[in-house]
Amino acid sequence: MLRGIELDSKSATNGRGGRSASYRITVQSNGNLLIGSAYTKQMNLQPGDEFEISLGRKHIRLKQIDEDGAVEE
């Protein structure tokens, strides 16, 4: 089963009338990318969930690894 989120600004609010997710991030001074809790909550991610990272010419793809260790397609 493939899990993902619809990148639609109408559904990006946090449910309390607060700030909506912008779908833009900036590389931090230490080189890290912080995705943020708005996205992890929308995808129902839990601490310890694992991902495979693959690099393209101008993109980074995260593929979630399921409980059996298989990459979800």
C-alpha atoms as a PDB file:
ATOM      1  CA  MET A   1       0.000   0.000   0.000  1.00  0.00           C
ATOM      2  CA  LEU A   2       1.364   3.405  -0.961  1.00  0.00           C
ATOM      3  CA  ARG A   3       0.958   6.150   1.615  1.00  0.00           C
ATOM      4  CA  GLY A   4       1.283   9.778   0.685  1.00  0.00           C
ATOM      5  CA  ILE A   5      -0.272  13.165   1.015  1.00  0.00           C
ATOM      6  CA  GLU A   6      -2.130  15.317  -1.450  1.00  0.00           C
ATOM      7  CA  LEU A   7      -0.138  18.523  -1.865  1.00  0.00           C
ATOM      8  CA  ASP A   8      -3.138  20.798  -1.977  1.00  0.00           C
ATOM      9  CA  SER A   9      -3.051  24.039   0.008  1.00  0.00           C
ATOM     10  CA  LYS A  10      -6.765  23.713   0.869  1.00  0.00           C
ATOM     11  CA  SER A  11      -6.091  20.585   2.950  1.00  0.00           C
ATOM     12  CA  ALA A  12      -2.875  21.799   4.548  1.00  0.00           C
ATOM     13  CA  THR A  13      -4.286  23.494   7.647  1.00  0.00           C
ATOM     14  CA  ASN A  14      -3.634  22.031  11.040  1.00  0.00           C
ATOM     15  CA  GLY A  15      -7.343  21.884  11.945  1.00  0.00           C
ATOM     16  CA  ARG A  16      -7.169  24.661  14.511  1.00  0.00           C
ATOM     17  CA  GLY A  17      -7.135  27.636  12.168  1.00  0.00           C
ATOM     18  CA  GLY A  18      -3.361  27.976  12.481  1.00  0.00           C
ATOM     19  CA  ARG A  19      -0.666  28.280   9.879  1.00  0.00           C
ATOM     20  CA  SER A  20      -0.881  25.990   6.882  1.00  0.00           C
ATOM     21  CA  ALA A  21       2.012  23.937   5.533  1.00  0.00           C
ATOM     22  CA  SER A  22       3.850  25.766   2.760  1.00  0.00           C
ATOM     23  CA  TYR A  23       5.410  22.751   0.981  1.00  0.00           C
ATOM     24  CA  ARG A  24       8.701  24.664   0.862  1.00  0.00           C
ATOM     25  CA  ILE A  25      11.688  24.058   3.086  1.00  0.00           C
ATOM     26  CA  THR A  26      15.132  25.587   3.364  1.00  0.00           C
ATOM     27  CA  VAL A  27      18.446  23.857   3.953  1.00  0.00           C
ATOM     28  CA  GLN A  28      19.577  24.691   7.485  1.00  0.00           C
ATOM     29  CA  SER A  29      23.032  26.064   8.261  1.00  0.00           C
ATOM     30  CA  ASN A  30      24.207  22.577   9.311  1.00  0.00           C
ATOM     31  CA  GLY A  31      23.075  21.087   5.959  1.00  0.00           C
ATOM     32  CA  ASN A  32      19.960  19.360   7.303  1.00  0.00           C
ATOM     33  CA  LEU A  33      16.498  19.483   5.800  1.00  0.00           C
ATOM     34  CA  LEU A  34      13.684  19.685   8.337  1.00  0.00           C
ATOM     35  CA  ILE A  35      10.378  18.447   6.946  1.00  0.00           C
ATOM     36  CA  GLY A  36       8.209  19.455   9.905  1.00  0.00           C
ATOM     37  CA  SER A  37       5.330  18.014  11.866  1.00  0.00           C
ATOM     38  CA  ALA A  38       2.588  19.302   9.530  1.00  0.00           C
ATOM     39  CA  TYR A  39       3.693  16.737   6.954  1.00  0.00           C
ATOM     40  CA  THR A  40       4.392  13.872   9.342  1.00  0.00           C
ATOM     41  CA  LYS A  41       0.973  14.314  10.971  1.00  0.00           C
ATOM     42  CA  GLN A  42      -0.803  14.370   7.581  1.00  0.00           C
ATOM     43  CA  MET A  43       0.939  11.127   6.644  1.00  0.00           C
ATOM     44  CA  ASN A  44       0.314   9.537  10.055  1.00  0.00           C
ATOM     45  CA  LEU A  45       4.052   8.907  10.534  1.00  0.00           C
ATOM     46  CA  GLN A  46       5.348   7.654  13.853  1.00  0.00           C
ATOM     47  CA  PRO A  47       8.772   7.897  15.518  1.00  0.00           C
ATOM     48  CA  GLY A  48      10.970   5.151  14.103  1.00  0.00           C
ATOM     49  CA  ASP A  49       9.300   4.991  10.668  1.00  0.00           C
ATOM     50  CA  GLU A  50      12.029   4.419   8.077  1.00  0.00           C
ATOM     51  CA  PHE A  51      12.550   5.668   4.535  1.00  0.00           C
ATOM     52  CA  GLU A  52      14.850   4.909   1.621  1.00  0.00           C
ATOM     53  CA  ILE A  53      16.335   8.056   0.077  1.00  0.00           C
ATOM     54  CA  SER A  54      17.051   8.223  -3.645  1.00  0.00           C
ATOM     55  CA  LEU A  55      18.539  11.216  -5.425  1.00  0.00           C
ATOM     56  CA  GLY A  56      17.595  12.452  -8.873  1.00  0.00           C
ATOM     57  CA  ARG A  57      19.009  15.353 -10.844  1.00  0.00           C
ATOM     58  CA  LYS A  58      16.826  17.925  -9.107  1.00  0.00           C
ATOM     59  CA  HIS A  59      14.788  15.968  -6.597  1.00  0.00           C
ATOM     60  CA  ILE A  60      15.014  13.828  -3.485  1.00  0.00           C
ATOM     61  CA  ARG A  61      12.562  10.922  -3.237  1.00  0.00           C
ATOM     62  CA  LEU A  62      11.613   9.320   0.064  1.00  0.00           C
ATOM     63  CA  LYS A  63      10.098   5.836  -0.094  1.00  0.00           C
ATOM     64  CA  GLN A  64       8.655   4.472   3.125  1.00  0.00           C
ATOM     65  CA  ILE A  65       9.898   1.084   4.293  1.00  0.00           C
ATOM     66  CA  ASP A  66       7.138  -1.157   5.660  1.00  0.00           C
ATOM     67  CA  GLU A  67       7.260  -3.345   8.787  1.00  0.00           C
ATOM     68  CA  ASP A  68       8.746  -6.249   6.804  1.00  0.00           C
ATOM     69  CA  GLY A  69      11.640  -4.156   5.528  1.00  0.00           C
ATOM     70  CA  ALA A  70      10.260  -3.825   1.988  1.00  0.00           C
ATOM     71  CA  VAL A  71      10.129  -0.466   0.230  1.00  0.00           C
ATOM     72  CA  GLU A  72       6.525   0.582  -0.407  1.00  0.00           C
ATOM     73  CA  GLU A  73       5.894   1.401  -4.070  1.00  0.00           C
END
